[in-house]
N, C-alpha and C. Protein backbone atom coordinates (compact mmCIF):
# COMPACT_ATOMS: atom_id res chain seq x y z
N MET A 1 63.84 93.44 72.13
CA MET A 1 64.59 93.68 73.89
C MET A 1 64.43 95.00 74.87
N GLY A 2 64.60 94.96 75.81
CA GLY A 2 63.26 96.53 76.17
C GLY A 2 65.37 97.54 76.49
N PHE A 3 65.18 98.64 76.57
CA PHE A 3 66.26 99.47 76.62
C PHE A 3 67.35 99.03 78.83
N PHE A 4 66.49 98.24 79.43
CA PHE A 4 67.18 98.56 80.45
C PHE A 4 67.22 97.15 80.51
N SER A 5 67.35 95.96 79.32
CA SER A 5 67.63 94.13 79.57
C SER A 5 68.89 94.19 79.72
N LYS A 6 68.99 92.87 80.40
CA LYS A 6 70.31 92.28 80.60
C LYS A 6 70.87 91.78 79.54
N LYS A 7 70.80 91.56 78.54
CA LYS A 7 71.15 90.78 78.12
C LYS A 7 72.90 90.99 77.61
N LEU A 8 73.82 90.32 77.35
CA LEU A 8 74.92 90.61 76.82
C LEU A 8 74.89 90.45 75.67
N LYS A 9 75.84 92.20 75.47
CA LYS A 9 75.85 91.62 73.65
C LYS A 9 77.27 91.50 73.15
N TYR A 10 77.64 90.56 73.82
CA TYR A 10 79.38 89.89 73.66
C TYR A 10 78.62 88.99 72.63
N PRO A 11 80.26 88.25 71.34
CA PRO A 11 80.18 87.33 71.06
C PRO A 11 79.74 86.37 72.24
N GLU A 12 79.05 84.84 71.76
CA GLU A 12 79.03 83.67 72.40
C GLU A 12 80.46 83.25 72.45
N LEU A 13 80.83 82.51 72.75
CA LEU A 13 82.26 82.27 73.65
C LEU A 13 81.93 80.31 73.31
N ASP A 14 82.69 80.19 71.70
CA ASP A 14 82.81 79.31 71.12
C ASP A 14 83.73 78.40 71.80
N SER A 15 82.77 76.94 71.83
CA SER A 15 83.26 76.03 72.99
C SER A 15 84.97 75.46 72.00
N GLY A 16 85.14 75.50 71.19
CA GLY A 16 87.20 75.42 70.67
C GLY A 16 87.85 76.24 71.53
N ASN A 17 86.99 77.88 71.72
CA ASN A 17 88.26 78.49 72.16
C ASN A 17 88.65 77.49 73.74
N PRO A 18 89.88 78.14 73.80
CA PRO A 18 90.49 77.64 75.36
C PRO A 18 89.72 77.59 76.13
N ALA A 19 89.39 79.33 76.31
CA ALA A 19 89.32 79.68 77.68
C ALA A 19 87.25 78.65 77.67
N ALA A 20 87.16 78.34 76.42
CA ALA A 20 85.89 77.30 77.66
C ALA A 20 86.14 76.59 78.18
N GLU A 21 87.09 75.90 77.85
CA GLU A 21 87.31 74.33 78.64
C GLU A 21 87.89 75.55 79.73
N GLN A 22 89.22 76.12 80.38
CA GLN A 22 89.18 76.75 81.63
C GLN A 22 87.55 77.42 82.15
N VAL A 23 86.39 77.75 81.86
CA VAL A 23 85.27 77.75 82.49
C VAL A 23 84.76 77.61 82.79
N HIS A 24 84.55 75.85 81.80
CA HIS A 24 84.58 74.58 82.50
C HIS A 24 84.82 74.32 84.03
N GLU A 25 86.38 74.15 83.27
CA GLU A 25 87.40 73.67 84.85
C GLU A 25 86.35 74.25 86.39
N VAL A 26 86.58 75.09 86.05
CA VAL A 26 85.53 76.25 87.18
C VAL A 26 84.26 76.60 87.93
N GLU A 27 83.51 75.56 86.44
CA GLU A 27 81.85 76.06 86.51
C GLU A 27 81.54 75.60 88.24
N ASP A 28 81.79 74.75 88.80
CA ASP A 28 81.18 74.53 90.36
C ASP A 28 81.59 75.86 91.28
N GLN A 29 82.19 75.98 90.61
CA GLN A 29 82.68 77.52 91.94
C GLN A 29 82.42 78.80 91.65
N LEU A 30 81.88 79.07 90.12
CA LEU A 30 81.11 79.87 89.55
C LEU A 30 78.97 79.24 90.07
N GLN A 31 78.66 78.59 90.01
CA GLN A 31 77.88 78.11 89.98
C GLN A 31 77.24 79.17 91.69
N ASP A 32 78.69 78.20 92.53
CA ASP A 32 78.19 78.18 94.03
C ASP A 32 78.23 80.01 94.31
N LEU A 33 78.92 80.93 93.39
CA LEU A 33 78.79 82.17 93.17
C LEU A 33 78.43 82.96 93.29
N MET A 34 77.30 82.34 91.96
CA MET A 34 75.99 82.99 92.09
C MET A 34 75.19 82.53 92.74
N GLY A 35 75.20 81.43 93.43
CA GLY A 35 74.42 81.48 94.50
C GLY A 35 74.33 82.94 96.11
N GLN A 36 75.52 83.19 95.89
CA GLN A 36 75.67 83.91 96.77
C GLN A 36 75.30 85.39 96.51
N VAL A 37 75.90 85.54 95.18
CA VAL A 37 75.85 86.89 94.91
C VAL A 37 74.59 87.34 93.52
N LYS A 38 74.22 88.39 93.40
CA LYS A 38 72.72 88.72 92.06
C LYS A 38 73.88 89.01 91.44
N ASP A 39 74.81 89.89 91.25
CA ASP A 39 75.31 91.12 89.93
C ASP A 39 75.81 89.56 89.09
N THR A 40 76.29 90.66 88.18
CA THR A 40 76.77 90.43 87.27
C THR A 40 78.24 89.50 87.43
N LEU A 41 78.30 88.86 86.45
CA LEU A 41 80.04 87.55 87.08
C LEU A 41 80.80 88.14 85.49
N GLU A 42 81.67 88.50 85.44
CA GLU A 42 83.14 88.19 84.52
C GLU A 42 84.08 87.72 84.81
N VAL A 43 84.36 86.74 83.95
CA VAL A 43 85.40 85.23 85.00
C VAL A 43 87.05 85.82 84.01
N VAL A 44 88.05 86.19 84.28
CA VAL A 44 88.76 85.84 83.33
C VAL A 44 89.78 84.51 83.49
N PRO A 45 89.30 83.88 83.17
CA PRO A 45 90.11 82.39 82.99
C PRO A 45 92.18 82.46 82.96
N ALA A 46 92.46 81.38 83.12
CA ALA A 46 93.50 81.36 83.14
C ALA A 46 93.83 79.48 83.13
N GLN A 47 95.22 79.10 83.19
CA GLN A 47 95.46 77.80 83.33
C GLN A 47 95.48 76.78 84.53
N ASP A 48 95.34 77.71 85.05
CA ASP A 48 95.10 76.83 87.86
C ASP A 48 94.48 77.70 87.83
N HIS A 49 94.42 78.72 87.38
CA HIS A 49 92.92 79.77 88.66
C HIS A 49 92.20 80.44 87.44
N ALA A 50 91.14 80.92 88.40
CA ALA A 50 90.30 82.31 87.46
C ALA A 50 89.91 83.89 88.52
N TYR A 51 90.23 84.24 87.62
CA TYR A 51 89.08 85.48 88.86
C TYR A 51 87.95 86.22 88.29
N VAL A 52 87.15 86.26 88.94
CA VAL A 52 86.15 86.92 88.50
C VAL A 52 85.46 88.01 89.20
N PHE A 53 84.99 89.19 88.66
CA PHE A 53 85.30 90.48 88.77
C PHE A 53 83.19 90.02 89.17
N ILE A 54 82.70 90.65 90.52
CA ILE A 54 81.32 90.70 90.66
C ILE A 54 80.67 92.78 90.83
N GLY A 55 79.64 92.24 89.72
CA GLY A 55 78.95 93.55 89.99
C GLY A 55 79.06 94.14 88.64
N LYS A 56 79.72 95.80 88.51
CA LYS A 56 79.82 97.13 87.57
C LYS A 56 81.17 97.21 86.97
N PRO A 57 82.22 96.82 86.89
CA PRO A 57 83.67 97.77 87.03
C PRO A 57 83.72 97.54 85.70
N PRO A 58 84.50 98.81 85.41
CA PRO A 58 85.10 99.45 87.07
C PRO A 58 84.90 100.54 87.85
N LYS A 59 83.11 100.57 87.98
CA LYS A 59 82.39 101.42 88.99
C LYS A 59 82.33 100.64 90.17
N ARG A 60 81.76 99.62 90.34
CA ARG A 60 81.16 98.84 91.59
C ARG A 60 81.45 97.39 91.38
N PHE A 61 82.34 96.43 92.02
CA PHE A 61 82.67 95.62 91.69
C PHE A 61 83.61 95.42 93.01
N GLY A 62 83.83 93.80 93.24
CA GLY A 62 84.43 92.69 93.74
C GLY A 62 85.20 91.86 93.37
N VAL A 63 86.10 90.96 93.48
CA VAL A 63 86.84 90.93 93.31
C VAL A 63 86.97 89.13 93.77
N ALA A 64 86.80 87.37 93.13
CA ALA A 64 87.33 86.82 93.51
C ALA A 64 88.28 86.05 93.28
N MET A 65 88.98 85.29 93.66
CA MET A 65 89.55 84.10 92.89
C MET A 65 89.34 83.11 92.74
N ILE A 66 89.28 82.24 92.22
CA ILE A 66 89.36 80.80 92.32
C ILE A 66 90.80 80.29 92.07
N GLN A 67 90.79 79.09 92.75
CA GLN A 67 92.19 78.83 92.98
C GLN A 67 91.90 77.06 93.58
N ASP A 68 92.38 76.16 93.11
CA ASP A 68 92.56 74.97 93.56
C ASP A 68 90.79 74.69 94.54
N GLY A 69 89.84 74.73 93.69
CA GLY A 69 88.43 74.39 93.93
C GLY A 69 87.68 75.42 95.36
N ALA A 70 88.70 75.93 95.55
CA ALA A 70 87.89 77.22 96.29
C ALA A 70 87.75 78.05 95.90
N VAL A 71 87.03 79.28 95.95
CA VAL A 71 86.61 81.11 95.52
C VAL A 71 87.17 81.05 97.16
N GLN A 72 87.59 82.38 96.86
CA GLN A 72 88.37 83.16 97.63
C GLN A 72 88.55 85.10 97.56
N SER A 73 87.62 85.63 98.25
CA SER A 73 87.38 87.08 97.95
C SER A 73 88.42 87.86 98.16
N PHE A 74 88.51 88.92 96.64
CA PHE A 74 89.84 90.10 97.38
C PHE A 74 89.95 90.06 98.45
N LEU A 75 88.43 91.18 99.26
CA LEU A 75 88.57 91.46 100.64
C LEU A 75 88.83 90.20 101.74
N ALA A 76 88.60 89.12 101.38
CA ALA A 76 88.83 88.27 102.68
C ALA A 76 90.34 87.80 102.69
N ALA A 77 90.80 87.64 101.76
CA ALA A 77 92.21 87.41 101.25
C ALA A 77 92.83 88.72 101.75
N ALA A 78 92.69 89.75 101.92
CA ALA A 78 93.41 91.19 102.52
C ALA A 78 93.03 91.30 103.50
N ARG A 79 92.14 90.43 104.17
CA ARG A 79 92.10 91.07 105.66
C ARG A 79 92.75 89.80 105.96
N GLU A 80 92.84 88.27 105.73
CA GLU A 80 93.35 87.65 106.41
C GLU A 80 94.71 88.33 106.04
N LYS A 81 95.45 88.58 105.37
CA LYS A 81 96.60 89.09 105.45
C LYS A 81 96.58 90.69 106.46
N GLY A 82 95.56 90.54 107.02
CA GLY A 82 96.13 91.52 107.97
C GLY A 82 96.16 92.66 107.40
N LEU A 83 95.66 93.42 106.16
CA LEU A 83 95.54 94.77 105.93
C LEU A 83 94.87 95.89 106.48
N ASP A 84 95.05 96.86 106.65
CA ASP A 84 93.67 97.69 106.80
C ASP A 84 92.85 98.47 105.54
N GLN A 85 92.20 99.34 106.38
CA GLN A 85 91.29 100.05 105.49
C GLN A 85 91.95 100.35 104.13
N ALA A 86 92.74 101.28 104.65
CA ALA A 86 93.14 101.86 103.70
C ALA A 86 94.79 101.31 102.75
N GLN A 87 95.08 100.30 102.79
CA GLN A 87 95.93 99.41 102.35
C GLN A 87 94.92 98.57 100.95
N ILE A 88 93.48 98.26 101.96
CA ILE A 88 92.80 97.54 100.64
C ILE A 88 92.24 98.62 99.95
N GLN A 89 91.47 99.72 100.18
CA GLN A 89 91.42 100.33 98.86
C GLN A 89 92.30 101.48 98.22
N LYS A 90 93.42 101.10 98.93
CA LYS A 90 94.66 100.93 97.77
C LYS A 90 94.59 99.87 96.53
N LEU A 91 94.91 98.50 97.07
CA LEU A 91 95.18 97.42 96.62
C LEU A 91 93.72 97.23 94.81
N ASN A 92 92.48 98.19 95.87
CA ASN A 92 91.12 97.95 94.88
C ASN A 92 91.41 99.03 94.04
N ASP A 93 91.79 100.19 94.36
CA ASP A 93 92.33 100.89 93.60
C ASP A 93 92.82 100.71 91.88
N GLN A 94 94.05 99.70 92.37
CA GLN A 94 94.93 99.23 91.62
C GLN A 94 94.21 98.15 90.76
N LEU A 95 93.02 97.60 91.18
CA LEU A 95 92.07 96.34 90.41
C LEU A 95 91.38 97.04 90.00
N ARG A 96 90.48 98.14 90.24
CA ARG A 96 90.25 99.20 89.12
C ARG A 96 90.78 99.46 87.80
N ASP A 97 92.22 100.22 87.99
CA ASP A 97 92.90 100.89 87.02
C ASP A 97 93.02 99.34 86.15
N ALA A 98 93.91 98.12 86.32
CA ALA A 98 93.87 97.34 85.81
C ALA A 98 92.86 96.26 85.47
N TYR A 99 91.81 96.99 84.88
CA TYR A 99 90.20 96.24 84.93
C TYR A 99 90.40 97.47 83.58
N MET A 100 90.63 98.74 83.58
CA MET A 100 90.53 100.08 82.88
C MET A 100 91.54 99.67 82.23
N HIS A 101 92.69 99.62 82.03
CA HIS A 101 93.88 99.15 81.54
C HIS A 101 93.36 98.74 80.29
N ASN A 102 92.51 97.61 80.24
CA ASN A 102 92.02 96.53 79.79
C ASN A 102 90.89 96.20 79.16
N MET A 103 90.30 97.46 78.92
CA MET A 103 88.79 97.65 78.55
C MET A 103 88.60 97.40 77.28
N ASP A 104 89.43 96.76 76.47
CA ASP A 104 89.35 96.88 75.11
C ASP A 104 89.75 95.48 74.66
N ALA A 105 90.27 94.69 75.92
CA ALA A 105 90.55 92.81 75.73
C ALA A 105 88.86 92.64 75.03
N GLN A 106 89.45 91.30 74.65
CA GLN A 106 88.12 90.70 74.02
C GLN A 106 87.25 90.16 74.84
N ARG A 107 85.80 90.12 74.79
CA ARG A 107 84.52 89.57 75.78
C ARG A 107 83.66 88.97 75.21
N PHE A 108 83.64 87.86 75.35
CA PHE A 108 82.45 87.15 75.34
C PHE A 108 81.52 86.62 76.63
N LYS A 109 80.29 85.81 76.42
CA LYS A 109 79.26 85.51 77.13
C LYS A 109 78.98 84.08 76.50
N THR A 110 78.87 83.21 77.88
CA THR A 110 78.62 82.11 78.07
C THR A 110 77.71 82.03 78.87
N ASN A 111 77.56 80.57 79.02
CA ASN A 111 76.14 80.63 79.52
C ASN A 111 76.84 80.11 81.12
N VAL A 112 75.91 79.43 82.22
CA VAL A 112 76.90 78.80 83.39
C VAL A 112 75.49 78.53 84.10
N ALA A 113 74.80 77.84 84.59
CA ALA A 113 73.47 77.40 85.43
C ALA A 113 72.72 78.04 84.36
N GLY A 114 72.49 77.62 83.70
CA GLY A 114 71.20 78.91 83.09
C GLY A 114 71.28 80.68 82.99
N LYS A 115 72.64 81.26 83.57
CA LYS A 115 72.79 82.75 83.34
C LYS A 115 73.78 82.55 82.45
N GLU A 116 73.98 83.93 81.76
CA GLU A 116 74.77 84.62 81.58
C GLU A 116 76.43 84.98 81.70
N VAL A 117 77.62 84.41 82.12
CA VAL A 117 78.20 85.10 82.00
C VAL A 117 79.53 85.92 81.56
N VAL A 118 80.29 86.95 81.59
CA VAL A 118 80.94 87.32 80.75
C VAL A 118 82.16 86.70 80.72
N VAL A 119 82.67 86.58 79.60
CA VAL A 119 84.38 85.57 79.59
C VAL A 119 85.19 86.64 79.61
N THR A 120 86.48 87.07 80.14
CA THR A 120 87.20 87.94 78.96
C THR A 120 88.80 87.06 78.91
N PRO A 121 89.18 86.16 78.16
CA PRO A 121 90.38 85.38 78.12
C PRO A 121 91.36 86.68 77.83
N CYS A 122 92.09 87.32 78.90
CA CYS A 122 92.85 88.47 78.88
C CYS A 122 94.23 87.62 79.28
N LEU A 123 94.70 87.80 78.77
CA LEU A 123 96.42 87.14 79.99
C LEU A 123 97.07 88.72 80.63
N GLN A 124 96.45 89.83 79.38
CA GLN A 124 97.33 91.33 80.77
C GLN A 124 96.76 91.17 81.69
N LEU A 125 95.25 90.91 81.38
CA LEU A 125 94.63 91.61 82.85
C LEU A 125 94.61 90.50 84.05
N ASP A 126 94.31 89.17 83.64
CA ASP A 126 95.29 87.81 84.46
C ASP A 126 96.51 88.77 84.91
N GLN A 127 97.44 89.07 84.52
CA GLN A 127 98.76 89.12 85.25
C GLN A 127 98.57 90.69 86.03
N GLU A 128 97.83 91.01 85.83
CA GLU A 128 97.97 92.21 86.52
C GLU A 128 96.86 92.15 87.65
N VAL A 129 96.10 91.19 87.85
CA VAL A 129 95.09 91.30 89.15
C VAL A 129 96.22 90.13 89.73
N ARG A 130 97.26 89.29 89.36
CA ARG A 130 97.63 88.56 89.42
C ARG A 130 98.80 89.32 91.07
N ASP A 131 99.30 90.13 89.69
CA ASP A 131 99.87 90.95 90.80
C ASP A 131 99.22 91.38 91.62
N ILE A 132 98.73 92.01 91.99
CA ILE A 132 97.84 92.90 92.73
C ILE A 132 97.85 91.77 94.04
N PHE A 133 97.02 90.94 93.49
CA PHE A 133 96.83 89.59 94.93
C PHE A 133 98.42 89.52 95.25
N GLY A 134 99.21 89.14 94.59
CA GLY A 134 100.74 88.28 94.69
C GLY A 134 101.52 89.64 96.19
N SER A 135 100.88 90.52 95.53
CA SER A 135 101.07 92.31 96.45
C SER A 135 100.99 92.36 97.91
N MET A 136 100.28 91.17 98.05
CA MET A 136 99.08 91.37 99.78
C MET A 136 100.23 90.64 100.69
N SER A 137 101.02 89.76 100.26
CA SER A 137 101.61 88.91 100.49
C SER A 137 103.17 89.87 101.43
N HIS A 138 103.31 91.05 100.87
CA HIS A 138 104.51 91.82 100.80
C HIS A 138 104.42 91.91 102.35
């Protein structure tokens, strides 16, 4: 394994972990997302949805939400709500902060369509991201 290896250094997600079933439920959408982006995906699975950090959080990243079988990027959702660039940047900073608050959350790796994906089953991170997405409606 070379210095620049892209292998993830997290433990394998055990199939008995509830997060494994939650990831399985959004596997088709993750595969679609993988076809659109080449960056690393980090899935924050939850009961009825999942958030996906795309890229290299907390520095350069995007966020998407998977819910009801659909994938929506944070940026598309913000534009749909009519937010301007300053508002989007503020929310993006909040997403970065939420990620950083939860840097010590346990992370795993799993395989989706032959690619390694990071899985972060963290209720706190899920709640913070949910609150940020929800604040776009106000």
